[in-house]
Amino acid sequence: MRLKQFINWADHGGHPPCFLIRCVDGSGYLLEVEVHHKVEAVLDKKGNPYQFDSQEQAETFLTKHGIHEAKLVVCQPEDEGVEEAISRGGDGGGISIEF
C-alpha cells in the first residue's frame, strides 16, 4: 500500500491494524498494515518500505492520523515469515502498544 493511500484511509476514519516492525540490525521501524486479512508494507513515493528512525517518531505520525495503537514486532535478521504469522492471526511475537 502506498503511503498516500494509507494516510487518506486513516485520515477518513479508517483504523487498520498497524504493525511496527523493528529489526534488531538497527534499520529503524517499518510500517505495515493489515488489508483484507493480509499484512503489507506501506511504501513511500519511490516504492521503498516506509520507515521511522524511532518508535516515538512512528507514534507521532500514527497519532497525527488518528491511529492510537499498533503491534510492535521485533525480528531477527534470520527470521522468516513474520508477515505470514501475522496474516494467519498470530502476533509474530509482537506486543500491543497504545499511544
C-alpha atoms as a PDB file:
ATOM      1  CA  MET A   1       0.000   0.000   0.000  1.00  0.00           C
ATOM      2  CA  ARG A   2       1.312   3.426  -0.879  1.00  0.00           C
ATOM      3  CA  LEU A   3       1.847   5.936   1.933  1.00  0.00           C
ATOM      4  CA  LYS A   4      -0.606   8.366   0.333  1.00  0.00           C
ATOM      5  CA  GLN A   5      -3.308   5.666   0.316  1.00  0.00           C
ATOM      6  CA  PHE A   6      -2.610   4.813   3.943  1.00  0.00           C
ATOM      7  CA  ILE A   7      -2.812   8.460   5.029  1.00  0.00           C
ATOM      8  CA  ASN A   8      -6.051   9.001   3.089  1.00  0.00           C
ATOM      9  CA  TRP A   9      -7.571   5.864   4.654  1.00  0.00           C
ATOM     10  CA  ALA A  10      -6.519   6.814   8.199  1.00  0.00           C
ATOM     11  CA  ASP A  11      -7.498  10.480   7.835  1.00  0.00           C
ATOM     12  CA  HIS A  12     -11.008   9.462   6.770  1.00  0.00           C
ATOM     13  CA  GLY A  13     -11.660   7.316   9.833  1.00  0.00           C
ATOM     14  CA  GLY A  14     -10.037   4.055   8.837  1.00  0.00           C
ATOM     15  CA  HIS A  15      -8.246   2.422  11.725  1.00  0.00           C
ATOM     16  CA  PRO A  16      -6.480  -0.503  10.125  1.00  0.00           C
ATOM     17  CA  PRO A  17      -4.418  -2.866  12.255  1.00  0.00           C
ATOM     18  CA  CYS A  18      -0.900  -1.422  12.097  1.00  0.00           C
ATOM     19  CA  PHE A  19       2.412  -3.097  12.761  1.00  0.00           C
ATOM     20  CA  LEU A  20       5.769  -1.532  13.527  1.00  0.00           C
ATOM     21  CA  ILE A  21       8.446  -3.982  12.506  1.00  0.00           C
ATOM     22  CA  ARG A  22      11.678  -3.373  14.426  1.00  0.00           C
ATOM     23  CA  CYS A  23      14.677  -5.230  13.090  1.00  0.00           C
ATOM     24  CA  VAL A  24      17.495  -5.698  15.555  1.00  0.00           C
ATOM     25  CA  ASP A  25      20.007  -4.733  12.875  1.00  0.00           C
ATOM     26  CA  GLY A  26      19.162  -1.087  13.637  1.00  0.00           C
ATOM     27  CA  SER A  27      17.420  -0.267  10.374  1.00  0.00           C
ATOM     28  CA  GLY A  28      14.537   1.538  12.087  1.00  0.00           C
ATOM     29  CA  TYR A  29      10.844   0.769  12.362  1.00  0.00           C
ATOM     30  CA  LEU A  30       8.974  -0.323   9.252  1.00  0.00           C
ATOM     31  CA  LEU A  31       5.256   0.421   8.979  1.00  0.00           C
ATOM     32  CA  GLU A  32       2.994  -2.387   7.852  1.00  0.00           C
ATOM     33  CA  VAL A  33      -0.779  -2.539   7.729  1.00  0.00           C
ATOM     34  CA  GLU A  34      -3.393  -5.281   7.512  1.00  0.00           C
ATOM     35  CA  VAL A  35      -5.527  -5.026   4.384  1.00  0.00           C
ATOM     36  CA  HIS A  36      -8.140  -7.695   3.613  1.00  0.00           C
ATOM     37  CA  HIS A  37      -6.589 -10.071   6.185  1.00  0.00           C
ATOM     38  CA  LYS A  38      -3.154  -9.713   4.620  1.00  0.00           C
ATOM     39  CA  VAL A  39      -0.253  -7.721   6.036  1.00  0.00           C
ATOM     40  CA  GLU A  40       1.586  -5.500   3.601  1.00  0.00           C
ATOM     41  CA  ALA A  41       4.274  -2.871   3.830  1.00  0.00           C
ATOM     42  CA  VAL A  42       3.456   0.808   3.494  1.00  0.00           C
ATOM     43  CA  LEU A  43       5.596   2.145   0.650  1.00  0.00           C
ATOM     44  CA  ASP A  44       6.993   5.640   0.092  1.00  0.00           C
ATOM     45  CA  LYS A  45       6.897   7.554  -3.226  1.00  0.00           C
ATOM     46  CA  LYS A  46       9.891   5.595  -4.508  1.00  0.00           C
ATOM     47  CA  GLY A  47       8.343   2.227  -3.666  1.00  0.00           C
ATOM     48  CA  ASN A  48      10.580   1.595  -0.650  1.00  0.00           C
ATOM     49  CA  PRO A  49       9.187   0.424   2.689  1.00  0.00           C
ATOM     50  CA  TYR A  50       8.248   3.472   4.776  1.00  0.00           C
ATOM     51  CA  GLN A  51      10.232   3.583   7.974  1.00  0.00           C
ATOM     52  CA  PHE A  52      10.804   5.647  11.080  1.00  0.00           C
ATOM     53  CA  ASP A  53      14.041   6.270  12.945  1.00  0.00           C
ATOM     54  CA  SER A  54      12.411   5.796  16.358  1.00  0.00           C
ATOM     55  CA  GLN A  55       9.304   4.421  17.987  1.00  0.00           C
ATOM     56  CA  GLU A  56       8.438   7.938  19.140  1.00  0.00           C
ATOM     57  CA  GLN A  57       8.562   9.198  15.547  1.00  0.00           C
ATOM     58  CA  ALA A  58       6.224   6.377  14.485  1.00  0.00           C
ATOM     59  CA  GLU A  59       3.803   7.100  17.332  1.00  0.00           C
ATOM     60  CA  THR A  60       3.712  10.819  16.465  1.00  0.00           C
ATOM     61  CA  PHE A  61       2.963  10.039  12.816  1.00  0.00           C
ATOM     62  CA  LEU A  62       0.246   7.484  13.574  1.00  0.00           C
ATOM     63  CA  THR A  63      -1.400   9.637  16.244  1.00  0.00           C
ATOM     64  CA  LYS A  64      -1.496  12.585  13.822  1.00  0.00           C
ATOM     65  CA  HIS A  65      -3.552  10.372  11.503  1.00  0.00           C
ATOM     66  CA  GLY A  66      -5.932   9.094  14.191  1.00  0.00           C
ATOM     67  CA  ILE A  67      -4.331   5.759  14.952  1.00  0.00           C
ATOM     68  CA  HIS A  68      -3.640   5.172  18.633  1.00  0.00           C
ATOM     69  CA  GLU A  69      -2.385   1.612  18.772  1.00  0.00           C
ATOM     70  CA  ALA A  70      -0.124  -0.729  16.873  1.00  0.00           C
ATOM     71  CA  LYS A  71       1.561  -4.071  17.292  1.00  0.00           C
ATOM     72  CA  LEU A  72       5.312  -3.856  17.794  1.00  0.00           C
ATOM     73  CA  VAL A  73       7.101  -6.825  16.246  1.00  0.00           C
ATOM     74  CA  VAL A  74      10.822  -7.303  16.820  1.00  0.00           C
ATOM     75  CA  CYS A  75      12.515  -9.533  14.285  1.00  0.00           C
ATOM     76  CA  GLN A  76      15.939 -11.035  13.947  1.00  0.00           C
ATOM     77  CA  PRO A  77      17.661 -10.830  10.541  1.00  0.00           C
ATOM     78  CA  GLU A  78      17.295 -14.597  10.189  1.00  0.00           C
ATOM     79  CA  ASP A  79      13.550 -14.508  10.943  1.00  0.00           C
ATOM     80  CA  GLU A  80      11.380 -15.556   8.069  1.00  0.00           C
ATOM     81  CA  GLY A  81       7.652 -15.432   7.854  1.00  0.00           C
ATOM     82  CA  VAL A  82       6.829 -12.619  10.301  1.00  0.00           C
ATOM     83  CA  GLU A  83       4.205 -11.263   7.908  1.00  0.00           C
ATOM     84  CA  GLU A  84       2.826 -14.753   7.287  1.00  0.00           C
ATOM     85  CA  ALA A  85       2.472 -15.398  11.031  1.00  0.00           C
ATOM     86  CA  ILE A  86       0.655 -12.086  11.479  1.00  0.00           C
ATOM     87  CA  SER A  87      -1.607 -12.804   8.498  1.00  0.00           C
ATOM     88  CA  ARG A  88      -2.560 -16.200   9.951  1.00  0.00           C
ATOM     89  CA  GLY A  89      -3.790 -14.483  13.098  1.00  0.00           C
ATOM     90  CA  GLY A  90      -0.645 -14.802  15.159  1.00  0.00           C
ATOM     91  CA  ASP A  91       1.164 -11.810  16.566  1.00  0.00           C
ATOM     92  CA  GLY A  92       4.548 -12.578  15.046  1.00  0.00           C
ATOM     93  CA  GLY A  93       5.965 -12.367  18.557  1.00  0.00           C
ATOM     94  CA  GLY A  94       4.753  -8.792  18.884  1.00  0.00           C
ATOM     95  CA  ILE A  95       3.305  -6.768  21.696  1.00  0.00           C
ATOM     96  CA  SER A  96       0.473  -4.242  21.562  1.00  0.00           C
ATOM     97  CA  ILE A  97       1.364  -0.635  22.218  1.00  0.00           C
ATOM     98  CA  GLU A  98      -1.035   2.260  22.710  1.00  0.00           C
ATOM     99  CA  PHE A  99      -0.299   5.934  22.302  1.00  0.00           C
END
